[in-house]
PDB file of N, CA and C in Angstrom:
ATOM      1  N   MET A   1     -19.786 -30.622   1.343  1.00  0.00           N
ATOM      2  CA  MET A   1     -18.332 -30.614   1.342  1.00  0.00           C
ATOM      3  C   MET A   1     -17.866 -29.981   0.035  1.00  0.00           C
ATOM      4  N   ALA A   2     -16.924 -29.066   0.157  1.00  0.00           N
ATOM      5  CA  ALA A   2     -16.346 -28.413  -1.014  1.00  0.00           C
ATOM      6  C   ALA A   2     -14.852 -28.709  -1.067  1.00  0.00           C
ATOM      7  N   VAL A   3     -14.335 -28.881  -2.274  1.00  0.00           N
ATOM      8  CA  VAL A   3     -12.922 -29.177  -2.471  1.00  0.00           C
ATOM      9  C   VAL A   3     -12.327 -28.114  -3.385  1.00  0.00           C
ATOM     10  N   SER A   4     -11.154 -27.610  -3.011  1.00  0.00           N
ATOM     11  CA  SER A   4     -10.408 -26.703  -3.876  1.00  0.00           C
ATOM     12  C   SER A   4      -8.939 -27.090  -3.824  1.00  0.00           C
ATOM     13  N   ASN A   5      -8.187 -26.699  -4.826  1.00  0.00           N
ATOM     14  CA  ASN A   5      -6.773 -27.081  -4.881  1.00  0.00           C
ATOM     15  C   ASN A   5      -5.986 -26.058  -5.685  1.00  0.00           C
ATOM     16  N   GLY A   6      -4.663 -26.160  -5.573  1.00  0.00           N
ATOM     17  CA  GLY A   6      -3.815 -25.265  -6.331  1.00  0.00           C
ATOM     18  C   GLY A   6      -2.344 -25.530  -6.098  1.00  0.00           C
ATOM     19  N   LYS A   7      -1.525 -24.712  -6.722  1.00  0.00           N
ATOM     20  CA  LYS A   7      -0.068 -24.760  -6.570  1.00  0.00           C
ATOM     21  C   LYS A   7       0.391 -23.365  -6.191  1.00  0.00           C
ATOM     22  N   VAL A   8       1.459 -23.310  -5.409  1.00  0.00           N
ATOM     23  CA  VAL A   8       2.050 -22.038  -5.000  1.00  0.00           C
ATOM     24  C   VAL A   8       3.540 -22.120  -5.251  1.00  0.00           C
ATOM     25  N   SER A   9       4.099 -21.061  -5.800  1.00  0.00           N
ATOM     26  CA  SER A   9       5.544 -20.954  -5.947  1.00  0.00           C
ATOM     27  C   SER A   9       6.064 -20.168  -4.752  1.00  0.00           C
ATOM     28  N   VAL A  10       6.950 -20.791  -3.981  1.00  0.00           N
ATOM     29  CA  VAL A  10       7.441 -20.226  -2.733  1.00  0.00           C
ATOM     30  C   VAL A  10       8.887 -19.776  -2.921  1.00  0.00           C
ATOM     31  N   GLY A  11       9.239 -18.700  -2.240  1.00  0.00           N
ATOM     32  CA  GLY A  11      10.609 -18.213  -2.261  1.00  0.00           C
ATOM     33  C   GLY A  11      11.098 -17.928  -0.857  1.00  0.00           C
ATOM     34  N   THR A  12      11.984 -16.973  -0.741  1.00  0.00           N
ATOM     35  CA  THR A  12      12.602 -16.678   0.551  1.00  0.00           C
ATOM     36  C   THR A  12      11.776 -15.728   1.414  1.00  0.00           C
ATOM     37  N   ALA A  13      10.698 -15.187   0.883  1.00  0.00           N
ATOM     38  CA  ALA A  13       9.758 -14.378   1.668  1.00  0.00           C
ATOM     39  C   ALA A  13       8.525 -15.215   1.979  1.00  0.00           C
ATOM     40  N   ALA A  14       7.950 -15.044   3.150  1.00  0.00           N
ATOM     41  CA  ALA A  14       6.774 -15.810   3.552  1.00  0.00           C
ATOM     42  C   ALA A  14       5.635 -15.616   2.550  1.00  0.00           C
ATOM     43  N   THR A  15       5.052 -16.727   2.111  1.00  0.00           N
ATOM     44  CA  THR A  15       3.969 -16.734   1.133  1.00  0.00           C
ATOM     45  C   THR A  15       2.769 -17.432   1.748  1.00  0.00           C
ATOM     46  N   VAL A  16       1.597 -16.826   1.661  1.00  0.00           N
ATOM     47  CA  VAL A  16       0.392 -17.424   2.226  1.00  0.00           C
ATOM     48  C   VAL A  16      -0.192 -18.458   1.256  1.00  0.00           C
ATOM     49  N   ILE A  17      -0.709 -19.548   1.797  1.00  0.00           N
ATOM     50  CA  ILE A  17      -1.461 -20.519   0.989  1.00  0.00           C
ATOM     51  C   ILE A  17      -2.839 -19.885   0.766  1.00  0.00           C
ATOM     52  N   PRO A  18      -3.253 -19.686  -0.487  1.00  0.00           N
ATOM     53  CA  PRO A  18      -4.456 -18.893  -0.773  1.00  0.00           C
ATOM     54  C   PRO A  18      -5.764 -19.658  -0.601  1.00  0.00           C
ATOM     55  N   VAL A  19      -6.071 -20.018   0.638  1.00  0.00           N
ATOM     56  CA  VAL A  19      -7.301 -20.750   0.937  1.00  0.00           C
ATOM     57  C   VAL A  19      -8.135 -19.908   1.891  1.00  0.00           C
ATOM     58  N   SER A  20      -9.416 -19.798   1.609  1.00  0.00           N
ATOM     59  CA  SER A  20     -10.317 -19.147   2.549  1.00  0.00           C
ATOM     60  C   SER A  20     -11.628 -19.927   2.577  1.00  0.00           C
ATOM     61  N   SER A  21     -12.255 -19.906   3.738  1.00  0.00           N
ATOM     62  CA  SER A  21     -13.494 -20.640   3.916  1.00  0.00           C
ATOM     63  C   SER A  21     -14.267 -20.026   5.072  1.00  0.00           C
ATOM     64  N   VAL A  22     -15.576 -20.134   5.034  1.00  0.00           N
ATOM     65  CA  VAL A  22     -16.394 -19.691   6.158  1.00  0.00           C
ATOM     66  C   VAL A  22     -16.636 -20.823   7.137  1.00  0.00           C
ATOM     67  N   ASN A  23     -16.177 -22.019   6.798  1.00  0.00           N
ATOM     68  CA  ASN A  23     -16.304 -23.203   7.652  1.00  0.00           C
ATOM     69  C   ASN A  23     -14.928 -23.793   7.917  1.00  0.00           C
ATOM     70  N   PRO A  24     -14.796 -24.626   8.951  1.00  0.00           N
ATOM     71  CA  PRO A  24     -13.535 -25.335   9.174  1.00  0.00           C
ATOM     72  C   PRO A  24     -13.174 -26.170   7.940  1.00  0.00           C
ATOM     73  N   PHE A  25     -11.863 -26.382   7.753  1.00  0.00           N
ATOM     74  CA  PHE A  25     -11.431 -27.170   6.601  1.00  0.00           C
ATOM     75  C   PHE A  25     -10.140 -27.912   6.898  1.00  0.00           C
ATOM     76  N   GLU A  26      -9.920 -28.973   6.137  1.00  0.00           N
ATOM     77  CA  GLU A  26      -8.649 -29.695   6.164  1.00  0.00           C
ATOM     78  C   GLU A  26      -7.792 -29.124   5.050  1.00  0.00           C
ATOM     79  N   LEU A  27      -6.540 -28.819   5.375  1.00  0.00           N
ATOM     80  CA  LEU A  27      -5.601 -28.332   4.376  1.00  0.00           C
ATOM     81  C   LEU A  27      -4.514 -29.378   4.205  1.00  0.00           C
ATOM     82  N   HIS A  28      -4.461 -29.973   3.027  1.00  0.00           N
ATOM     83  CA  HIS A  28      -3.441 -30.963   2.687  1.00  0.00           C
ATOM     84  C   HIS A  28      -2.394 -30.237   1.854  1.00  0.00           C
ATOM     85  N   ILE A  29      -1.139 -30.298   2.286  1.00  0.00           N
ATOM     86  CA  ILE A  29      -0.071 -29.640   1.555  1.00  0.00           C
ATOM     87  C   ILE A  29       1.008 -30.650   1.197  1.00  0.00           C
ATOM     88  N   HIS A  30       1.635 -30.436   0.052  1.00  0.00           N
ATOM     89  CA  HIS A  30       2.680 -31.345  -0.434  1.00  0.00           C
ATOM     90  C   HIS A  30       3.863 -30.533  -0.930  1.00  0.00           C
ATOM     91  N   ASN A  31       5.051 -30.871  -0.443  1.00  0.00           N
ATOM     92  CA  ASN A  31       6.294 -30.262  -0.917  1.00  0.00           C
ATOM     93  C   ASN A  31       6.657 -30.957  -2.230  1.00  0.00           C
ATOM     94  N   ASP A  32       6.490 -30.269  -3.344  1.00  0.00           N
ATOM     95  CA  ASP A  32       6.720 -30.863  -4.666  1.00  0.00           C
ATOM     96  C   ASP A  32       8.201 -30.981  -5.022  1.00  0.00           C
ATOM     97  N   ASP A  33       9.067 -30.334  -4.272  1.00  0.00           N
ATOM     98  CA  ASP A  33      10.498 -30.307  -4.586  1.00  0.00           C
ATOM     99  C   ASP A  33      11.161 -31.613  -4.161  1.00  0.00           C
ATOM    100  N   ASN A  34      12.090 -32.106  -4.971  1.00  0.00           N
ATOM    101  CA  ASN A  34      12.764 -33.378  -4.639  1.00  0.00           C
ATOM    102  C   ASN A  34      14.126 -33.179  -3.976  1.00  0.00           C
ATOM    103  N   THR A  35      14.457 -31.943  -3.597  1.00  0.00           N
ATOM    104  CA  THR A  35      15.743 -31.714  -2.929  1.00  0.00           C
ATOM    105  C   THR A  35      15.656 -30.867  -1.663  1.00  0.00           C
ATOM    106  N   ASP A  36      14.728 -29.909  -1.597  1.00  0.00           N
ATOM    107  CA  ASP A  36      14.743 -28.934  -0.511  1.00  0.00           C
ATOM    108  C   ASP A  36      13.517 -28.995   0.397  1.00  0.00           C
ATOM    109  N   THR A  37      13.697 -28.458   1.597  1.00  0.00           N
ATOM    110  CA  THR A  37      12.675 -28.428   2.640  1.00  0.00           C
ATOM    111  C   THR A  37      11.894 -27.117   2.584  1.00  0.00           C
ATOM    112  N   LEU A  38      10.592 -27.192   2.895  1.00  0.00           N
ATOM    113  CA  LEU A  38       9.761 -26.009   3.101  1.00  0.00           C
ATOM    114  C   LEU A  38       9.613 -25.776   4.596  1.00  0.00           C
ATOM    115  N   PHE A  39       9.282 -24.549   4.980  1.00  0.00           N
ATOM    116  CA  PHE A  39       9.103 -24.204   6.385  1.00  0.00           C
ATOM    117  C   PHE A  39       7.744 -23.534   6.540  1.00  0.00           C
ATOM    118  N   LEU A  40       6.923 -24.035   7.460  1.00  0.00           N
ATOM    119  CA  LEU A  40       5.546 -23.595   7.639  1.00  0.00           C
ATOM    120  C   LEU A  40       5.391 -22.813   8.930  1.00  0.00           C
ATOM    121  N   GLY A  41       4.476 -21.832   8.934  1.00  0.00           N
ATOM    122  CA  GLY A  41       4.209 -21.081  10.157  1.00  0.00           C
ATOM    123  C   GLY A  41       3.296 -19.896   9.912  1.00  0.00           C
ATOM    124  N   ASP A  42       3.445 -18.879  10.753  1.00  0.00           N
ATOM    125  CA  ASP A  42       2.649 -17.657  10.621  1.00  0.00           C
ATOM    126  C   ASP A  42       3.349 -16.686   9.673  1.00  0.00           C
ATOM    127  N   ALA A  43       2.883 -15.448   9.637  1.00  0.00           N
ATOM    128  CA  ALA A  43       3.430 -14.462   8.700  1.00  0.00           C
ATOM    129  C   ALA A  43       4.907 -14.167   8.927  1.00  0.00           C
ATOM    130  N   ALA A  44       5.422 -14.494  10.117  1.00  0.00           N
ATOM    131  CA  ALA A  44       6.830 -14.235  10.431  1.00  0.00           C
ATOM    132  C   ALA A  44       7.705 -15.480  10.268  1.00  0.00           C
ATOM    133  N   VAL A  45       7.206 -16.489   9.560  1.00  0.00           N
ATOM    134  CA  VAL A  45       7.957 -17.740   9.412  1.00  0.00           C
ATOM    135  C   VAL A  45       9.265 -17.516   8.660  1.00  0.00           C
ATOM    136  N   THR A  46      10.302 -18.232   9.097  1.00  0.00           N
ATOM    137  CA  THR A  46      11.598 -18.242   8.424  1.00  0.00           C
ATOM    138  C   THR A  46      12.098 -19.681   8.393  1.00  0.00           C
ATOM    139  N   SER A  47      13.215 -19.891   7.729  1.00  0.00           N
ATOM    140  CA  SER A  47      13.798 -21.231   7.725  1.00  0.00           C
ATOM    141  C   SER A  47      14.380 -21.589   9.090  1.00  0.00           C
ATOM    142  N   ALA A  48      14.546 -20.612   9.965  1.00  0.00           N
ATOM    143  CA  ALA A  48      15.076 -20.865  11.307  1.00  0.00           C
ATOM    144  C   ALA A  48      13.986 -21.200  12.328  1.00  0.00           C
ATOM    145  N   ASN A  49      12.722 -20.749  12.081  1.00  0.00           N
ATOM    146  CA  ASN A  49      11.688 -20.972  13.097  1.00  0.00           C
ATOM    147  C   ASN A  49      10.471 -21.746  12.607  1.00  0.00           C
ATOM    148  N   GLY A  50      10.430 -22.121  11.335  1.00  0.00           N
ATOM    149  CA  GLY A  50       9.266 -22.797  10.774  1.00  0.00           C
ATOM    150  C   GLY A  50       9.261 -24.297  10.992  1.00  0.00           C
ATOM    151  N   LEU A  51       8.074 -24.870  10.897  1.00  0.00           N
ATOM    152  CA  LEU A  51       7.897 -26.324  10.933  1.00  0.00           C
ATOM    153  C   LEU A  51       8.363 -26.881   9.598  1.00  0.00           C
ATOM    154  N   ARG A  52       9.232 -27.872   9.633  1.00  0.00           N
ATOM    155  CA  ARG A  52       9.840 -28.412   8.408  1.00  0.00           C
ATOM    156  C   ARG A  52       8.890 -29.366   7.685  1.00  0.00           C
ATOM    157  N   LEU A  53       8.816 -29.216   6.371  1.00  0.00           N
ATOM    158  CA  LEU A  53       8.147 -30.171   5.494  1.00  0.00           C
ATOM    159  C   LEU A  53       9.190 -30.580   4.463  1.00  0.00           C
ATOM    160  N   VAL A  54       9.789 -31.754   4.682  1.00  0.00           N
ATOM    161  CA  VAL A  54      10.929 -32.181   3.872  1.00  0.00           C
ATOM    162  C   VAL A  54      10.496 -32.552   2.460  1.00  0.00           C
ATOM    163  N   LYS A  55      11.469 -32.726   1.602  1.00  0.00           N
ATOM    164  CA  LYS A  55      11.234 -32.986   0.174  1.00  0.00           C
ATOM    165  C   LYS A  55      10.219 -34.113  -0.041  1.00  0.00           C
ATOM    166  N   LEU A  56       9.289 -33.865  -0.948  1.00  0.00           N
ATOM    167  CA  LEU A  56       8.276 -34.816  -1.399  1.00  0.00           C
ATOM    168  C   LEU A  56       7.359 -35.338  -0.300  1.00  0.00           C
ATOM    169  N   GLU A  57       7.303 -34.658   0.855  1.00  0.00           N
ATOM    170  CA  GLU A  57       6.423 -35.070   1.947  1.00  0.00           C
ATOM    171  C   GLU A  57       5.117 -34.290   1.906  1.00  0.00           C
ATOM    172  N   SER A  58       4.084 -34.852   2.552  1.00  0.00           N
ATOM    173  CA  SER A  58       2.778 -34.217   2.667  1.00  0.00           C
ATOM    174  C   SER A  58       2.406 -34.066   4.130  1.00  0.00           C
ATOM    175  N   MET A  59       1.465 -33.159   4.383  1.00  0.00           N
ATOM    176  CA  MET A  59       0.988 -32.917   5.740  1.00  0.00           C
ATOM    177  C   MET A  59      -0.469 -32.482   5.653  1.00  0.00           C
ATOM    178  N   THR A  60      -1.248 -32.827   6.658  1.00  0.00           N
ATOM    179  CA  THR A  60      -2.633 -32.394   6.742  1.00  0.00           C
ATOM    180  C   THR A  60      -2.813 -31.574   8.014  1.00  0.00           C
ATOM    181  N   LEU A  61      -3.442 -30.420   7.867  1.00  0.00           N
ATOM    182  CA  LEU A  61      -3.706 -29.530   9.003  1.00  0.00           C
ATOM    183  C   LEU A  61      -5.197 -29.256   9.083  1.00  0.00           C
ATOM    184  N   LEU A  62      -5.726 -29.196  10.285  1.00  0.00           N
ATOM    185  CA  LEU A  62      -7.116 -28.799  10.494  1.00  0.00           C
ATOM    186  C   LEU A  62      -7.127 -27.297  10.722  1.00  0.00           C
ATOM    187  N   MET A  63      -7.901 -26.583   9.918  1.00  0.00           N
ATOM    188  CA  MET A  63      -7.872 -25.121   9.913  1.00  0.00           C
ATOM    189  C   MET A  63      -9.267 -24.569  10.231  1.00  0.00           C
ATOM    190  N   ARG A  64      -9.296 -23.399  10.867  1.00  0.00           N
ATOM    191  CA  ARG A  64     -10.531 -22.663  11.104  1.00  0.00           C
ATOM    192  C   ARG A  64     -10.647 -21.565  10.052  1.00  0.00           C
ATOM    193  N   PRO A  65     -11.837 -20.988   9.880  1.00  0.00           N
ATOM    194  CA  PRO A  65     -12.030 -19.997   8.815  1.00  0.00           C
ATOM    195  C   PRO A  65     -11.025 -18.848   8.804  1.00  0.00           C
ATOM    196  N   ALA A  66     -10.633 -18.329   9.936  1.00  0.00           N
ATOM    197  CA  ALA A  66      -9.720 -17.182   9.967  1.00  0.00           C
ATOM    198  C   ALA A  66      -8.246 -17.579   9.896  1.00  0.00           C
ATOM    199  N   ASP A  67      -7.933 -18.866   9.961  1.00  0.00           N
ATOM    200  CA  ASP A  67      -6.541 -19.321   9.954  1.00  0.00           C
ATOM    201  C   ASP A  67      -5.892 -19.107   8.595  1.00  0.00           C
ATOM    202  N   ARG A  68      -4.617 -18.748   8.621  1.00  0.00           N
ATOM    203  CA  ARG A  68      -3.814 -18.627   7.407  1.00  0.00           C
ATOM    204  C   ARG A  68      -2.497 -19.331   7.645  1.00  0.00           C
ATOM    205  N   LEU A  69      -2.010 -20.038   6.642  1.00  0.00           N
ATOM    206  CA  LEU A  69      -0.735 -20.738   6.723  1.00  0.00           C
ATOM    207  C   LEU A  69       0.247 -20.076   5.765  1.00  0.00           C
ATOM    208  N   PHE A  70       1.426 -19.763   6.281  1.00  0.00           N
ATOM    209  CA  PHE A  70       2.482 -19.164   5.480  1.00  0.00           C
ATOM    210  C   PHE A  70       3.610 -20.176   5.299  1.00  0.00           C
ATOM    211  N   VAL A  71       4.291 -20.075   4.161  1.00  0.00           N
ATOM    212  CA  VAL A  71       5.353 -21.007   3.809  1.00  0.00           C
ATOM    213  C   VAL A  71       6.547 -20.213   3.280  1.00  0.00           C
ATOM    214  N   VAL A  72       7.743 -20.703   3.577  1.00  0.00           N
ATOM    215  CA  VAL A  72       8.962 -20.067   3.079  1.00  0.00           C
ATOM    216  C   VAL A  72       9.957 -21.162   2.686  1.00  0.00           C
ATOM    217  N   SER A  73      10.870 -20.828   1.809  1.00  0.00           N
ATOM    218  CA  SER A  73      11.917 -21.746   1.358  1.00  0.00           C
ATOM    219  C   SER A  73      13.269 -21.034   1.440  1.00  0.00           C
ATOM    220  N   THR A  74      14.314 -21.783   1.246  1.00  0.00           N
ATOM    221  CA  THR A  74      15.647 -21.184   1.176  1.00  0.00           C
ATOM    222  C   THR A  74      16.032 -20.858  -0.258  1.00  0.00           C
ATOM    223  N   LYS A  75      15.113 -21.085  -1.201  1.00  0.00           N
ATOM    224  CA  LYS A  75      15.388 -20.795  -2.614  1.00  0.00           C
ATOM    225  C   LYS A  75      14.136 -20.229  -3.282  1.00  0.00           C
ATOM    226  N   SER A  76      14.288 -19.653  -4.437  1.00  0.00           N
ATOM    227  CA  SER A  76      13.163 -19.146  -5.212  1.00  0.00           C
ATOM    228  C   SER A  76      12.570 -20.256  -6.068  1.00  0.00           C
ATOM    229  N   GLY A  77      11.281 -20.137  -6.372  1.00  0.00           N
ATOM    230  CA  GLY A  77      10.639 -21.074  -7.281  1.00  0.00           C
ATOM    231  C   GLY A  77      10.365 -22.446  -6.714  1.00  0.00           C
ATOM    232  N   HIS A  78      10.277 -22.569  -5.407  1.00  0.00           N
ATOM    233  CA  HIS A  78       9.998 -23.841  -4.736  1.00  0.00           C
ATOM    234  C   HIS A  78       8.499 -24.112  -4.869  1.00  0.00           C
ATOM    235  N   SER A  79       8.110 -25.263  -5.389  1.00  0.00           N
ATOM    236  CA  SER A  79       6.713 -25.566  -5.679  1.00  0.00           C
ATOM    237  C   SER A  79       6.034 -26.339  -4.545  1.00  0.00           C
ATOM    238  N   LEU A  80       4.823 -25.914  -4.230  1.00  0.00           N
ATOM    239  CA  LEU A  80       3.987 -26.541  -3.209  1.00  0.00           C
ATOM    240  C   LEU A  80       2.605 -26.759  -3.797  1.00  0.00           C
ATOM    241  N   SER A  81       2.038 -27.944  -3.611  1.00  0.00           N
ATOM    242  CA  SER A  81       0.656 -28.223  -4.013  1.00  0.00           C
ATOM    243  C   SER A  81      -0.211 -28.268  -2.765  1.00  0.00           C
ATOM    244  N   TRP A  82      -1.470 -27.846  -2.899  1.00  0.00           N
ATOM    245  CA  TRP A  82      -2.378 -27.890  -1.759  1.00  0.00           C
ATOM    246  C   TRP A  82      -3.770 -28.342  -2.192  1.00  0.00           C
ATOM    247  N   LEU A  83      -4.487 -28.920  -1.229  1.00  0.00           N
ATOM    248  CA  LEU A  83      -5.865 -29.373  -1.421  1.00  0.00           C
ATOM    249  C   LEU A  83      -6.616 -29.005  -0.157  1.00  0.00           C
ATOM    250  N   ALA A  84      -7.726 -28.293  -0.290  1.00  0.00           N
ATOM    251  CA  ALA A  84      -8.556 -27.899   0.865  1.00  0.00           C
ATOM    252  C   ALA A  84      -9.910 -28.600   0.761  1.00  0.00           C
ATOM    253  N   ILE A  85     -10.302 -29.230   1.855  1.00  0.00           N
ATOM    254  CA  ILE A  85     -11.612 -29.882   1.932  1.00  0.00           C
ATOM    255  C   ILE A  85     -12.389 -29.195   3.044  1.00  0.00           C
ATOM    256  N   THR A  86     -13.438 -28.487   2.645  1.00  0.00           N
ATOM    257  CA  THR A  86     -14.255 -27.730   3.589  1.00  0.00           C
ATOM    258  C   THR A  86     -15.301 -28.630   4.213  1.00  0.00           C
ATOM    259  N   LYS A  87     -15.418 -28.524   5.515  1.00  0.00           N
ATOM    260  CA  LYS A  87     -16.420 -29.296   6.263  1.00  0.00           C
ATOM    261  C   LYS A  87     -17.741 -28.555   6.253  1.00  0.00           C
ATOM    262  N   ASP A  88     -18.816 -29.245   5.946  1.00  0.00           N
ATOM    263  CA  ASP A  88     -20.153 -28.657   6.040  1.00  0.00           C
ATOM    264  C   ASP A  88     -20.575 -28.628   7.502  1.00  0.00           C
ATOM    265  N   ILE A  89     -21.202 -27.530   7.883  1.00  0.00           N
ATOM    266  CA  ILE A  89     -21.673 -27.424   9.268  1.00  0.00           C
ATOM    267  C   ILE A  89     -23.180 -27.498   9.277  1.00  0.00           C
TER     268      ILE A  89
END
């Protein structure tokens, strides 16, 4: 099992969470902002079509090696923390 983590500054353009793995992994994400919502989805995510992650909330997603998660905000400088736990096969 391998663990990696980081922070991403999100703005009004879709930003990818910089995680890659050759094995399936759990991606834990946390909206670090105490006022605004993040929106999750594919490369075309917007605040109108993304899955909402409200202020100070966390979410866990099961990801495959080729999967990428994009995030967008309605403001610049929105902080997101992430933790990836890779499953050994």
